[in-house]
Amino acid sequence: MLRVGDLQRSIAFYTQVLGMTLLRTTENPDYKYSLAFLGYGSNPDHAELELTYNWGVDTYEMGTAYGHIALGVPDVYAACEKIRSAGGAITREPGPVKGGSTVIAFVTDPDGYKIELIERL
């Protein structure tokens, strides 16, 4: 689950830039929050990402425990080109991980969360 400052902006990023599907949304007016669930398919066959928008909160501090989300892709270079052409920010260009041969890259979402792309052939 990621807390986001603008739910529609984050849904647009994960669907239009990363190609996920919006699976469902819920609203909880009593507790003043909205949820969006996204993924490349639905449970139990695929993981889902939960975005939480707490009404009236537009920014969060990342903290020191959070690292990043990791997504396996068949071709990191092609994924980065697609993300770049959709307006996404590549913050680490594709290339081998330090000390290894696995090809990775990093993208940053609109709230500053890091997403690692890992090439899985």
PDB file of N, CA and C in Angstrom:
ATOM      1  N   MET A   1       0.845  -1.169   0.000  1.00  0.00           N
ATOM      2  CA  MET A   1       0.000   0.000   0.000  1.00  0.00           C
ATOM      3  C   MET A   1       0.890   1.232   0.000  1.00  0.00           C
ATOM      4  N   LEU A   2       0.527   2.195  -0.851  1.00  0.00           N
ATOM      5  CA  LEU A   2       1.224   3.472  -0.883  1.00  0.00           C
ATOM      6  C   LEU A   2       0.221   4.579  -0.573  1.00  0.00           C
ATOM      7  N   ARG A   3       0.605   5.507   0.286  1.00  0.00           N
ATOM      8  CA  ARG A   3      -0.230   6.689   0.536  1.00  0.00           C
ATOM      9  C   ARG A   3       0.149   7.731  -0.503  1.00  0.00           C
ATOM     10  N   VAL A   4      -0.857   8.282  -1.169  1.00  0.00           N
ATOM     11  CA  VAL A   4      -0.610   9.225  -2.256  1.00  0.00           C
ATOM     12  C   VAL A   4      -1.309  10.549  -1.985  1.00  0.00           C
ATOM     13  N   GLY A   5      -0.768  11.622  -2.556  1.00  0.00           N
ATOM     14  CA  GLY A   5      -1.300  12.961  -2.343  1.00  0.00           C
ATOM     15  C   GLY A   5      -2.392  13.365  -3.313  1.00  0.00           C
ATOM     16  N   ASP A   6      -2.520  12.689  -4.431  1.00  0.00           N
ATOM     17  CA  ASP A   6      -3.551  12.986  -5.435  1.00  0.00           C
ATOM     18  C   ASP A   6      -3.898  11.661  -6.107  1.00  0.00           C
ATOM     19  N   LEU A   7      -5.040  11.094  -5.739  1.00  0.00           N
ATOM     20  CA  LEU A   7      -5.380   9.750  -6.203  1.00  0.00           C
ATOM     21  C   LEU A   7      -5.504   9.674  -7.715  1.00  0.00           C
ATOM     22  N   GLN A   8      -6.146  10.644  -8.339  1.00  0.00           N
ATOM     23  CA  GLN A   8      -6.323  10.586  -9.797  1.00  0.00           C
ATOM     24  C   GLN A   8      -4.985  10.707 -10.527  1.00  0.00           C
ATOM     25  N   ARG A   9      -4.102  11.561 -10.033  1.00  0.00           N
ATOM     26  CA  ARG A   9      -2.767  11.694 -10.633  1.00  0.00           C
ATOM     27  C   ARG A   9      -2.008  10.376 -10.543  1.00  0.00           C
ATOM     28  N   SER A  10      -2.089   9.712  -9.396  1.00  0.00           N
ATOM     29  CA  SER A  10      -1.384   8.440  -9.215  1.00  0.00           C
ATOM     30  C   SER A  10      -2.007   7.333 -10.057  1.00  0.00           C
ATOM     31  N   ILE A  11      -3.332   7.289 -10.142  1.00  0.00           N
ATOM     32  CA  ILE A  11      -3.989   6.300 -11.005  1.00  0.00           C
ATOM     33  C   ILE A  11      -3.541   6.511 -12.445  1.00  0.00           C
ATOM     34  N   ALA A  12      -3.487   7.753 -12.891  1.00  0.00           N
ATOM     35  CA  ALA A  12      -3.039   8.053 -14.263  1.00  0.00           C
ATOM     36  C   ALA A  12      -1.608   7.562 -14.478  1.00  0.00           C
ATOM     37  N   PHE A  13      -0.718   7.785 -13.526  1.00  0.00           N
ATOM     38  CA  PHE A  13       0.663   7.337 -13.667  1.00  0.00           C
ATOM     39  C   PHE A  13       0.735   5.818 -13.785  1.00  0.00           C
ATOM     40  N   TYR A  14       0.124   5.108 -12.862  1.00  0.00           N
ATOM     41  CA  TYR A  14       0.239   3.649 -12.853  1.00  0.00           C
ATOM     42  C   TYR A  14      -0.481   2.989 -14.031  1.00  0.00           C
ATOM     43  N   THR A  15      -1.539   3.621 -14.547  1.00  0.00           N
ATOM     44  CA  THR A  15      -2.231   3.032 -15.703  1.00  0.00           C
ATOM     45  C   THR A  15      -1.622   3.491 -17.023  1.00  0.00           C
ATOM     46  N   GLN A  16      -1.395   4.784 -17.184  1.00  0.00           N
ATOM     47  CA  GLN A  16      -0.932   5.312 -18.469  1.00  0.00           C
ATOM     48  C   GLN A  16       0.574   5.187 -18.676  1.00  0.00           C
ATOM     49  N   VAL A  17       1.345   5.296 -17.611  1.00  0.00           N
ATOM     50  CA  VAL A  17       2.802   5.250 -17.737  1.00  0.00           C
ATOM     51  C   VAL A  17       3.340   3.826 -17.520  1.00  0.00           C
ATOM     52  N   LEU A  18       2.827   3.120 -16.498  1.00  0.00           N
ATOM     53  CA  LEU A  18       3.318   1.772 -16.219  1.00  0.00           C
ATOM     54  C   LEU A  18       2.425   0.676 -16.798  1.00  0.00           C
ATOM     55  N   GLY A  19       1.290   1.035 -17.373  1.00  0.00           N
ATOM     56  CA  GLY A  19       0.454   0.054 -18.059  1.00  0.00           C
ATOM     57  C   GLY A  19      -0.367  -0.860 -17.170  1.00  0.00           C
ATOM     58  N   MET A  20      -0.534  -0.493 -15.896  1.00  0.00           N
ATOM     59  CA  MET A  20      -1.381  -1.301 -15.014  1.00  0.00           C
ATOM     60  C   MET A  20      -2.850  -1.043 -15.341  1.00  0.00           C
ATOM     61  N   THR A  21      -3.715  -1.865 -14.797  1.00  0.00           N
ATOM     62  CA  THR A  21      -5.155  -1.712 -14.946  1.00  0.00           C
ATOM     63  C   THR A  21      -5.737  -1.301 -13.600  1.00  0.00           C
ATOM     64  N   LEU A  22      -6.654  -0.347 -13.632  1.00  0.00           N
ATOM     65  CA  LEU A  22      -7.384   0.005 -12.416  1.00  0.00           C
ATOM     66  C   LEU A  22      -8.397  -1.107 -12.179  1.00  0.00           C
ATOM     67  N   LEU A  23      -8.241  -1.844 -11.098  1.00  0.00           N
ATOM     68  CA  LEU A  23      -9.073  -3.012 -10.820  1.00  0.00           C
ATOM     69  C   LEU A  23     -10.350  -2.656 -10.066  1.00  0.00           C
ATOM     70  N   ARG A  24     -10.231  -1.742  -9.105  1.00  0.00           N
ATOM     71  CA  ARG A  24     -11.415  -1.302  -8.360  1.00  0.00           C
ATOM     72  C   ARG A  24     -11.047  -0.120  -7.472  1.00  0.00           C
ATOM     73  N   THR A  25     -12.059   0.614  -7.066  1.00  0.00           N
ATOM     74  CA  THR A  25     -11.882   1.726  -6.132  1.00  0.00           C
ATOM     75  C   THR A  25     -12.947   1.615  -5.046  1.00  0.00           C
ATOM     76  N   THR A  26     -12.639   2.181  -3.898  1.00  0.00           N
ATOM     77  CA  THR A  26     -13.623   2.270  -2.819  1.00  0.00           C
ATOM     78  C   THR A  26     -13.476   3.625  -2.147  1.00  0.00           C
ATOM     79  N   GLU A  27     -14.578   4.098  -1.611  1.00  0.00           N
ATOM     80  CA  GLU A  27     -14.602   5.362  -0.869  1.00  0.00           C
ATOM     81  C   GLU A  27     -15.073   5.066   0.548  1.00  0.00           C
ATOM     82  N   ASN A  28     -14.487   5.730   1.526  1.00  0.00           N
ATOM     83  CA  ASN A  28     -14.928   5.590   2.899  1.00  0.00           C
ATOM     84  C   ASN A  28     -15.115   6.980   3.500  1.00  0.00           C
ATOM     85  N   PRO A  29     -16.296   7.585   3.260  1.00  0.00           N
ATOM     86  CA  PRO A  29     -16.541   8.945   3.756  1.00  0.00           C
ATOM     87  C   PRO A  29     -16.496   9.070   5.275  1.00  0.00           C
ATOM     88  N   ASP A  30     -16.885   8.018   5.987  1.00  0.00           N
ATOM     89  CA  ASP A  30     -16.866   8.096   7.455  1.00  0.00           C
ATOM     90  C   ASP A  30     -15.465   8.295   7.999  1.00  0.00           C
ATOM     91  N   TYR A  31     -14.481   7.680   7.327  1.00  0.00           N
ATOM     92  CA  TYR A  31     -13.093   7.790   7.785  1.00  0.00           C
ATOM     93  C   TYR A  31     -12.238   8.647   6.859  1.00  0.00           C
ATOM     94  N   LYS A  32     -12.864   9.246   5.855  1.00  0.00           N
ATOM     95  CA  LYS A  32     -12.237  10.224   4.969  1.00  0.00           C
ATOM     96  C   LYS A  32     -11.015   9.689   4.229  1.00  0.00           C
ATOM     97  N   TYR A  33     -11.202   8.553   3.541  1.00  0.00           N
ATOM     98  CA  TYR A  33     -10.141   8.052   2.683  1.00  0.00           C
ATOM     99  C   TYR A  33     -10.739   7.347   1.476  1.00  0.00           C
ATOM    100  N   SER A  34      -9.927   7.263   0.421  1.00  0.00           N
ATOM    101  CA  SER A  34     -10.296   6.565  -0.814  1.00  0.00           C
ATOM    102  C   SER A  34      -9.194   5.576  -1.143  1.00  0.00           C
ATOM    103  N   LEU A  35      -9.576   4.446  -1.738  1.00  0.00           N
ATOM    104  CA  LEU A  35      -8.611   3.417  -2.131  1.00  0.00           C
ATOM    105  C   LEU A  35      -8.746   3.124  -3.614  1.00  0.00           C
ATOM    106  N   ALA A  36      -7.615   2.809  -4.240  1.00  0.00           N
ATOM    107  CA  ALA A  36      -7.603   2.326  -5.625  1.00  0.00           C
ATOM    108  C   ALA A  36      -6.684   1.120  -5.664  1.00  0.00           C
ATOM    109  N   PHE A  37      -7.133   0.074  -6.339  1.00  0.00           N
ATOM    110  CA  PHE A  37      -6.332  -1.141  -6.485  1.00  0.00           C
ATOM    111  C   PHE A  37      -5.973  -1.293  -7.954  1.00  0.00           C
ATOM    112  N   LEU A  38      -4.676  -1.462  -8.231  1.00  0.00           N
ATOM    113  CA  LEU A  38      -4.181  -1.567  -9.597  1.00  0.00           C
ATOM    114  C   LEU A  38      -3.302  -2.800  -9.738  1.00  0.00           C
ATOM    115  N   GLY A  39      -3.130  -3.246 -10.973  1.00  0.00           N
ATOM    116  CA  GLY A  39      -2.240  -4.370 -11.212  1.00  0.00           C
ATOM    117  C   GLY A  39      -2.215  -4.751 -12.675  1.00  0.00           C
ATOM    118  N   TYR A  40      -1.465  -5.781 -12.974  1.00  0.00           N
ATOM    119  CA  TYR A  40      -1.382  -6.320 -14.333  1.00  0.00           C
ATOM    120  C   TYR A  40      -2.332  -7.499 -14.492  1.00  0.00           C
ATOM    121  N   GLY A  41      -3.158  -7.722 -13.522  1.00  0.00           N
ATOM    122  CA  GLY A  41      -4.143  -8.786 -13.440  1.00  0.00           C
ATOM    123  C   GLY A  41      -4.616  -8.779 -12.002  1.00  0.00           C
ATOM    124  N   SER A  42      -5.592  -9.596 -11.666  1.00  0.00           N
ATOM    125  CA  SER A  42      -6.112  -9.548 -10.306  1.00  0.00           C
ATOM    126  C   SER A  42      -5.686 -10.774  -9.501  1.00  0.00           C
ATOM    127  N   ASN A  43      -5.839 -10.651  -8.189  1.00  0.00           N
ATOM    128  CA  ASN A  43      -5.527 -11.753  -7.276  1.00  0.00           C
ATOM    129  C   ASN A  43      -6.400 -12.941  -7.596  1.00  0.00           C
ATOM    130  N   PRO A  44      -5.958 -14.159  -7.401  1.00  0.00           N
ATOM    131  CA  PRO A  44      -4.698 -14.540  -6.768  1.00  0.00           C
ATOM    132  C   PRO A  44      -3.560 -14.736  -7.761  1.00  0.00           C
ATOM    133  N   ASP A  45      -3.809 -14.572  -9.045  1.00  0.00           N
ATOM    134  CA  ASP A  45      -2.760 -14.832 -10.036  1.00  0.00           C
ATOM    135  C   ASP A  45      -1.737 -13.718 -10.147  1.00  0.00           C
ATOM    136  N   HIS A  46      -2.092 -12.503  -9.759  1.00  0.00           N
ATOM    137  CA  HIS A  46      -1.206 -11.348  -9.879  1.00  0.00           C
ATOM    138  C   HIS A  46      -1.266 -10.526  -8.598  1.00  0.00           C
ATOM    139  N   ALA A  47      -0.167  -9.883  -8.300  1.00  0.00           N
ATOM    140  CA  ALA A  47      -0.140  -8.973  -7.152  1.00  0.00           C
ATOM    141  C   ALA A  47      -0.937  -7.715  -7.494  1.00  0.00           C
ATOM    142  N   GLU A  48      -1.467  -7.088  -6.473  1.00  0.00           N
ATOM    143  CA  GLU A  48      -2.172  -5.828  -6.644  1.00  0.00           C
ATOM    144  C   GLU A  48      -1.482  -4.750  -5.821  1.00  0.00           C
ATOM    145  N   LEU A  49      -1.503  -3.530  -6.335  1.00  0.00           N
ATOM    146  CA  LEU A  49      -0.959  -2.378  -5.634  1.00  0.00           C
ATOM    147  C   LEU A  49      -2.137  -1.566  -5.107  1.00  0.00           C
ATOM    148  N   GLU A  50      -2.133  -1.300  -3.809  1.00  0.00           N
ATOM    149  CA  GLU A  50      -3.185  -0.496  -3.198  1.00  0.00           C
ATOM    150  C   GLU A  50      -2.678   0.928  -3.019  1.00  0.00           C
ATOM    151  N   LEU A  51      -3.416   1.903  -3.558  1.00  0.00           N
ATOM    152  CA  LEU A  51      -3.119   3.313  -3.340  1.00  0.00           C
ATOM    153  C   LEU A  51      -4.153   3.850  -2.365  1.00  0.00           C
ATOM    154  N   THR A  52      -3.693   4.558  -1.340  1.00  0.00           N
ATOM    155  CA  THR A  52      -4.587   5.144  -0.343  1.00  0.00           C
ATOM    156  C   THR A  52      -4.468   6.650  -0.391  1.00  0.00           C
ATOM    157  N   TYR A  53      -5.624   7.312  -0.533  1.00  0.00           N
ATOM    158  CA  TYR A  53      -5.653   8.773  -0.448  1.00  0.00           C
ATOM    159  C   TYR A  53      -6.438   9.148   0.804  1.00  0.00           C
ATOM    160  N   ASN A  54      -5.754   9.747   1.769  1.00  0.00           N
ATOM    161  CA  ASN A  54      -6.397  10.275   2.969  1.00  0.00           C
ATOM    162  C   ASN A  54      -6.819  11.703   2.652  1.00  0.00           C
ATOM    163  N   TRP A  55      -8.117  11.925   2.668  1.00  0.00           N
ATOM    164  CA  TRP A  55      -8.672  13.197   2.214  1.00  0.00           C
ATOM    165  C   TRP A  55      -8.002  14.374   2.909  1.00  0.00           C
ATOM    166  N   GLY A  56      -7.550  15.330   2.104  1.00  0.00           N
ATOM    167  CA  GLY A  56      -6.932  16.542   2.609  1.00  0.00           C
ATOM    168  C   GLY A  56      -5.433  16.449   2.855  1.00  0.00           C
ATOM    169  N   VAL A  57      -4.836  15.282   2.673  1.00  0.00           N
ATOM    170  CA  VAL A  57      -3.391  15.125   2.866  1.00  0.00           C
ATOM    171  C   VAL A  57      -2.746  15.014   1.486  1.00  0.00           C
ATOM    172  N   ASP A  58      -1.924  16.006   1.128  1.00  0.00           N
ATOM    173  CA  ASP A  58      -1.364  15.999  -0.230  1.00  0.00           C
ATOM    174  C   ASP A  58       0.108  15.623  -0.316  1.00  0.00           C
ATOM    175  N   THR A  59       0.782  15.444   0.812  1.00  0.00           N
ATOM    176  CA  THR A  59       2.175  15.003   0.783  1.00  0.00           C
ATOM    177  C   THR A  59       2.479  14.138   2.006  1.00  0.00           C
ATOM    178  N   TYR A  60       3.476  13.277   1.839  1.00  0.00           N
ATOM    179  CA  TYR A  60       3.952  12.409   2.924  1.00  0.00           C
ATOM    180  C   TYR A  60       5.469  12.407   2.889  1.00  0.00           C
ATOM    181  N   GLU A  61       6.082  12.153   4.053  1.00  0.00           N
ATOM    182  CA  GLU A  61       7.516  11.920   4.092  1.00  0.00           C
ATOM    183  C   GLU A  61       7.740  10.442   3.818  1.00  0.00           C
ATOM    184  N   MET A  62       8.770  10.121   3.060  1.00  0.00           N
ATOM    185  CA  MET A  62       9.025   8.741   2.673  1.00  0.00           C
ATOM    186  C   MET A  62       9.469   7.870   3.842  1.00  0.00           C
ATOM    187  N   GLY A  63      10.155   8.430   4.796  1.00  0.00           N
ATOM    188  CA  GLY A  63      10.643   7.616   5.911  1.00  0.00           C
ATOM    189  C   GLY A  63      11.896   6.844   5.506  1.00  0.00           C
ATOM    190  N   THR A  64      12.476   6.137   6.446  1.00  0.00           N
ATOM    191  CA  THR A  64      13.713   5.423   6.169  1.00  0.00           C
ATOM    192  C   THR A  64      13.508   3.929   5.954  1.00  0.00           C
ATOM    193  N   ALA A  65      12.332   3.389   6.238  1.00  0.00           N
ATOM    194  CA  ALA A  65      12.098   1.951   6.076  1.00  0.00           C
ATOM    195  C   ALA A  65      11.705   1.581   4.650  1.00  0.00           C
ATOM    196  N   TYR A  66      11.065   2.483   3.939  1.00  0.00           N
ATOM    197  CA  TYR A  66      10.612   2.185   2.584  1.00  0.00           C
ATOM    198  C   TYR A  66      11.791   2.166   1.623  1.00  0.00           C
ATOM    199  N   GLY A  67      11.837   1.161   0.764  1.00  0.00           N
ATOM    200  CA  GLY A  67      12.893   1.085  -0.250  1.00  0.00           C
ATOM    201  C   GLY A  67      12.322   1.424  -1.610  1.00  0.00           C
ATOM    202  N   HIS A  68      11.669   0.437  -2.254  1.00  0.00           N
ATOM    203  CA  HIS A  68      11.071   0.671  -3.550  1.00  0.00           C
ATOM    204  C   HIS A  68      10.197  -0.511  -3.937  1.00  0.00           C
ATOM    205  N   ILE A  69       9.355  -0.310  -4.920  1.00  0.00           N
ATOM    206  CA  ILE A  69       8.575  -1.382  -5.533  1.00  0.00           C
ATOM    207  C   ILE A  69       9.450  -1.957  -6.635  1.00  0.00           C
ATOM    208  N   ALA A  70       9.372  -3.262  -6.879  1.00  0.00           N
ATOM    209  CA  ALA A  70      10.130  -3.879  -7.972  1.00  0.00           C
ATOM    210  C   ALA A  70       9.154  -4.591  -8.906  1.00  0.00           C
ATOM    211  N   LEU A  71       9.328  -4.350 -10.208  1.00  0.00           N
ATOM    212  CA  LEU A  71       8.499  -4.986 -11.230  1.00  0.00           C
ATOM    213  C   LEU A  71       9.392  -5.740 -12.202  1.00  0.00           C
ATOM    214  N   GLY A  72       9.065  -6.975 -12.484  1.00  0.00           N
ATOM    215  CA  GLY A  72       9.784  -7.738 -13.493  1.00  0.00           C
ATOM    216  C   GLY A  72       9.238  -7.412 -14.870  1.00  0.00           C
ATOM    217  N   VAL A  73      10.127  -7.147 -15.813  1.00  0.00           N
ATOM    218  CA  VAL A  73       9.738  -6.850 -17.198  1.00  0.00           C
ATOM    219  C   VAL A  73      10.629  -7.661 -18.142  1.00  0.00           C
ATOM    220  N   PRO A  74      10.122  -7.991 -19.339  1.00  0.00           N
ATOM    221  CA  PRO A  74      10.939  -8.785 -20.257  1.00  0.00           C
ATOM    222  C   PRO A  74      12.104  -8.020 -20.885  1.00  0.00           C
ATOM    223  N   ASP A  75      11.973  -6.686 -21.026  1.00  0.00           N
ATOM    224  CA  ASP A  75      13.009  -5.877 -21.673  1.00  0.00           C
ATOM    225  C   ASP A  75      13.034  -4.507 -21.001  1.00  0.00           C
ATOM    226  N   VAL A  76      14.016  -4.271 -20.143  1.00  0.00           N
ATOM    227  CA  VAL A  76      14.103  -3.018 -19.390  1.00  0.00           C
ATOM    228  C   VAL A  76      14.274  -1.822 -20.330  1.00  0.00           C
ATOM    229  N   TYR A  77      15.085  -1.963 -21.367  1.00  0.00           N
ATOM    230  CA  TYR A  77      15.318  -0.851 -22.298  1.00  0.00           C
ATOM    231  C   TYR A  77      14.020  -0.445 -22.986  1.00  0.00           C
ATOM    232  N   ALA A  78      13.262  -1.409 -23.467  1.00  0.00           N
ATOM    233  CA  ALA A  78      11.980  -1.119 -24.129  1.00  0.00           C
ATOM    234  C   ALA A  78      10.982  -0.537 -23.137  1.00  0.00           C
ATOM    235  N   ALA A  79      10.960  -1.071 -21.910  1.00  0.00           N
ATOM    236  CA  ALA A  79      10.051  -0.548 -20.891  1.00  0.00           C
ATOM    237  C   ALA A  79      10.361   0.917 -20.591  1.00  0.00           C
ATOM    238  N   CYS A  80      11.633   1.252 -20.489  1.00  0.00           N
ATOM    239  CA  CYS A  80      12.021   2.644 -20.213  1.00  0.00           C
ATOM    240  C   CYS A  80      11.615   3.567 -21.357  1.00  0.00           C
ATOM    241  N   GLU A  81      11.780   3.131 -22.571  1.00  0.00           N
ATOM    242  CA  GLU A  81      11.366   3.966 -23.713  1.00  0.00           C
ATOM    243  C   GLU A  81       9.870   4.202 -23.694  1.00  0.00           C
ATOM    244  N   LYS A  82       9.096   3.182 -23.390  1.00  0.00           N
ATOM    245  CA  LYS A  82       7.640   3.306 -23.317  1.00  0.00           C
ATOM    246  C   LYS A  82       7.241   4.248 -22.181  1.00  0.00           C
ATOM    247  N   ILE A  83       7.884   4.093 -21.026  1.00  0.00           N
ATOM    248  CA  ILE A  83       7.607   4.953 -19.873  1.00  0.00           C
ATOM    249  C   ILE A  83       7.986   6.394 -20.184  1.00  0.00           C
ATOM    250  N   ARG A  84       9.155   6.605 -20.778  1.00  0.00           N
ATOM    251  CA  ARG A  84       9.607   7.954 -21.130  1.00  0.00           C
ATOM    252  C   ARG A  84       8.636   8.614 -22.111  1.00  0.00           C
ATOM    253  N   SER A  85       8.180   7.850 -23.116  1.00  0.00           N
ATOM    254  CA  SER A  85       7.275   8.413 -24.120  1.00  0.00           C
ATOM    255  C   SER A  85       5.899   8.734 -23.537  1.00  0.00           C
ATOM    256  N   ALA A  86       5.554   8.076 -22.407  1.00  0.00           N
ATOM    257  CA  ALA A  86       4.287   8.362 -21.734  1.00  0.00           C
ATOM    258  C   ALA A  86       4.430   9.471 -20.694  1.00  0.00           C
ATOM    259  N   GLY A  87       5.625  10.068 -20.595  1.00  0.00           N
ATOM    260  CA  GLY A  87       5.842  11.170 -19.663  1.00  0.00           C
ATOM    261  C   GLY A  87       6.421  10.774 -18.319  1.00  0.00           C
ATOM    262  N   GLY A  88       6.813   9.512 -18.156  1.00  0.00           N
ATOM    263  CA  GLY A  88       7.397   9.060 -16.897  1.00  0.00           C
ATOM    264  C   GLY A  88       8.843   9.486 -16.753  1.00  0.00           C
ATOM    265  N   ALA A  89       9.301   9.555 -15.510  1.00  0.00           N
ATOM    266  CA  ALA A  89      10.670   9.986 -15.206  1.00  0.00           C
ATOM    267  C   ALA A  89      11.555   8.780 -14.917  1.00  0.00           C
ATOM    268  N   ILE A  90      12.531   8.539 -15.784  1.00  0.00           N
ATOM    269  CA  ILE A  90      13.532   7.500 -15.561  1.00  0.00           C
ATOM    270  C   ILE A  90      14.616   8.126 -14.699  1.00  0.00           C
ATOM    271  N   THR A  91      14.813   7.587 -13.501  1.00  0.00           N
ATOM    272  CA  THR A  91      15.788   8.184 -12.587  1.00  0.00           C
ATOM    273  C   THR A  91      17.092   7.401 -12.515  1.00  0.00           C
ATOM    274  N   ARG A  92      17.099   6.208 -13.093  1.00  0.00           N
ATOM    275  CA  ARG A  92      18.337   5.441 -13.270  1.00  0.00           C
ATOM    276  C   ARG A  92      18.189   4.716 -14.592  1.00  0.00           C
ATOM    277  N   GLU A  93      19.018   5.092 -15.538  1.00  0.00           N
ATOM    278  CA  GLU A  93      18.934   4.517 -16.882  1.00  0.00           C
ATOM    279  C   GLU A  93      19.204   3.017 -16.836  1.00  0.00           C
ATOM    280  N   PRO A  94      18.685   2.266 -17.810  1.00  0.00           N
ATOM    281  CA  PRO A  94      18.889   0.819 -17.830  1.00  0.00           C
ATOM    282  C   PRO A  94      20.364   0.443 -17.909  1.00  0.00           C
ATOM    283  N   GLY A  95      20.694  -0.616 -17.214  1.00  0.00           N
ATOM    284  CA  GLY A  95      22.041  -1.149 -17.238  1.00  0.00           C
ATOM    285  C   GLY A  95      22.196  -2.204 -16.169  1.00  0.00           C
ATOM    286  N   PRO A  96      23.344  -2.880 -16.163  1.00  0.00           N
ATOM    287  CA  PRO A  96      23.562  -3.945 -15.178  1.00  0.00           C
ATOM    288  C   PRO A  96      23.593  -3.397 -13.755  1.00  0.00           C
ATOM    289  N   VAL A  97      23.074  -4.187 -12.832  1.00  0.00           N
ATOM    290  CA  VAL A  97      23.145  -3.844 -11.421  1.00  0.00           C
ATOM    291  C   VAL A  97      24.613  -3.876 -11.000  1.00  0.00           C
ATOM    292  N   LYS A  98      24.986  -3.012 -10.070  1.00  0.00           N
ATOM    293  CA  LYS A  98      26.374  -2.990  -9.600  1.00  0.00           C
ATOM    294  C   LYS A  98      26.769  -4.358  -9.055  1.00  0.00           C
ATOM    295  N   GLY A  99      27.867  -4.877  -9.529  1.00  0.00           N
ATOM    296  CA  GLY A  99      28.367  -6.148  -9.066  1.00  0.00           C
ATOM    297  C   GLY A  99      27.676  -7.360  -9.659  1.00  0.00           C
ATOM    298  N   GLY A 100      26.861  -7.144 -10.703  1.00  0.00           N
ATOM    299  CA  GLY A 100      26.143  -8.268 -11.295  1.00  0.00           C
ATOM    300  C   GLY A 100      25.836  -8.036 -12.762  1.00  0.00           C
ATOM    301  N   SER A 101      25.020  -8.881 -13.320  1.00  0.00           N
ATOM    302  CA  SER A 101      24.697  -8.768 -14.739  1.00  0.00           C
ATOM    303  C   SER A 101      23.214  -8.530 -15.009  1.00  0.00           C
ATOM    304  N   THR A 102      22.371  -8.585 -13.981  1.00  0.00           N
ATOM    305  CA  THR A 102      20.945  -8.346 -14.160  1.00  0.00           C
ATOM    306  C   THR A 102      20.719  -6.898 -14.569  1.00  0.00           C
ATOM    307  N   VAL A 103      19.938  -6.687 -15.624  1.00  0.00           N
ATOM    308  CA  VAL A 103      19.662  -5.338 -16.112  1.00  0.00           C
ATOM    309  C   VAL A 103      18.490  -4.756 -15.325  1.00  0.00           C
ATOM    310  N   ILE A 104      18.710  -3.551 -14.801  1.00  0.00           N
ATOM    311  CA  ILE A 104      17.680  -2.852 -14.026  1.00  0.00           C
ATOM    312  C   ILE A 104      17.605  -1.393 -14.478  1.00  0.00           C
ATOM    313  N   ALA A 105      16.552  -0.726 -14.035  1.00  0.00           N
ATOM    314  CA  ALA A 105      16.396   0.719 -14.185  1.00  0.00           C
ATOM    315  C   ALA A 105      15.470   1.162 -13.069  1.00  0.00           C
ATOM    316  N   PHE A 106      15.395   2.466 -12.839  1.00  0.00           N
ATOM    317  CA  PHE A 106      14.476   3.001 -11.834  1.00  0.00           C
ATOM    318  C   PHE A 106      13.625   4.113 -12.439  1.00  0.00           C
ATOM    319  N   VAL A 107      12.372   4.143 -11.992  1.00  0.00           N
ATOM    320  CA  VAL A 107      11.383   5.148 -12.372  1.00  0.00           C
ATOM    321  C   VAL A 107      10.878   5.746 -11.071  1.00  0.00           C
ATOM    322  N   THR A 108      10.438   6.999 -11.116  1.00  0.00           N
ATOM    323  CA  THR A 108       9.846   7.633  -9.939  1.00  0.00           C
ATOM    324  C   THR A 108       8.418   8.022 -10.255  1.00  0.00           C
ATOM    325  N   ASP A 109       7.495   7.708  -9.340  1.00  0.00           N
ATOM    326  CA  ASP A 109       6.086   8.052  -9.562  1.00  0.00           C
ATOM    327  C   ASP A 109       5.835   9.494  -9.119  1.00  0.00           C
ATOM    328  N   PRO A 110       4.620  10.030  -9.331  1.00  0.00           N
ATOM    329  CA  PRO A 110       4.356  11.437  -9.007  1.00  0.00           C
ATOM    330  C   PRO A 110       4.514  11.803  -7.536  1.00  0.00           C
ATOM    331  N   ASP A 111       4.446  10.828  -6.635  1.00  0.00           N
ATOM    332  CA  ASP A 111       4.619  11.107  -5.217  1.00  0.00           C
ATOM    333  C   ASP A 111       6.051  10.875  -4.746  1.00  0.00           C
ATOM    334  N   GLY A 112       6.947  10.518  -5.669  1.00  0.00           N
ATOM    335  CA  GLY A 112       8.348  10.315  -5.316  1.00  0.00           C
ATOM    336  C   GLY A 112       8.718   8.884  -4.982  1.00  0.00           C
ATOM    337  N   TYR A 113       7.769   7.946  -5.096  1.00  0.00           N
ATOM    338  CA  TYR A 113       8.084   6.547  -4.835  1.00  0.00           C
ATOM    339  C   TYR A 113       8.943   5.992  -5.962  1.00  0.00           C
ATOM    340  N   LYS A 114       9.948   5.215  -5.595  1.00  0.00           N
ATOM    341  CA  LYS A 114      10.854   4.607  -6.566  1.00  0.00           C
ATOM    342  C   LYS A 114      10.315   3.242  -7.011  1.00  0.00           C
ATOM    343  N   ILE A 115      10.433   2.962  -8.294  1.00  0.00           N
ATOM    344  CA  ILE A 115      10.001   1.700  -8.861  1.00  0.00           C
ATOM    345  C   ILE A 115      11.175   1.134  -9.641  1.00  0.00           C
ATOM    346  N   GLU A 116      11.647  -0.047  -9.231  1.00  0.00           N
ATOM    347  CA  GLU A 116      12.738  -0.703  -9.942  1.00  0.00           C
ATOM    348  C   GLU A 116      12.156  -1.612 -11.011  1.00  0.00           C
ATOM    349  N   LEU A 117      12.713  -1.529 -12.204  1.00  0.00           N
ATOM    350  CA  LEU A 117      12.370  -2.437 -13.301  1.00  0.00           C
ATOM    351  C   LEU A 117      13.497  -3.450 -13.391  1.00  0.00           C
ATOM    352  N   ILE A 118      13.164  -4.726 -13.301  1.00  0.00           N
ATOM    353  CA  ILE A 118      14.158  -5.800 -13.327  1.00  0.00           C
ATOM    354  C   ILE A 118      13.887  -6.650 -14.555  1.00  0.00           C
ATOM    355  N   GLU A 119      14.919  -6.812 -15.390  1.00  0.00           N
ATOM    356  CA  GLU A 119      14.742  -7.597 -16.603  1.00  0.00           C
ATOM    357  C   GLU A 119      14.637  -9.080 -16.255  1.00  0.00           C
ATOM    358  N   ARG A 120      13.530  -9.675 -16.648  1.00  0.00           N
ATOM    359  CA  ARG A 120      13.265 -11.104 -16.442  1.00  0.00           C
ATOM    360  C   ARG A 120      12.987 -11.721 -17.788  1.00  0.00           C
ATOM    361  N   LEU A 121      13.919 -12.465 -18.325  1.00  0.00           N
ATOM    362  CA  LEU A 121      13.753 -13.055 -19.644  1.00  0.00           C
ATOM    363  C   LEU A 121      12.891 -14.284 -19.617  1.00  0.00           C
TER     364      LEU A 121
END
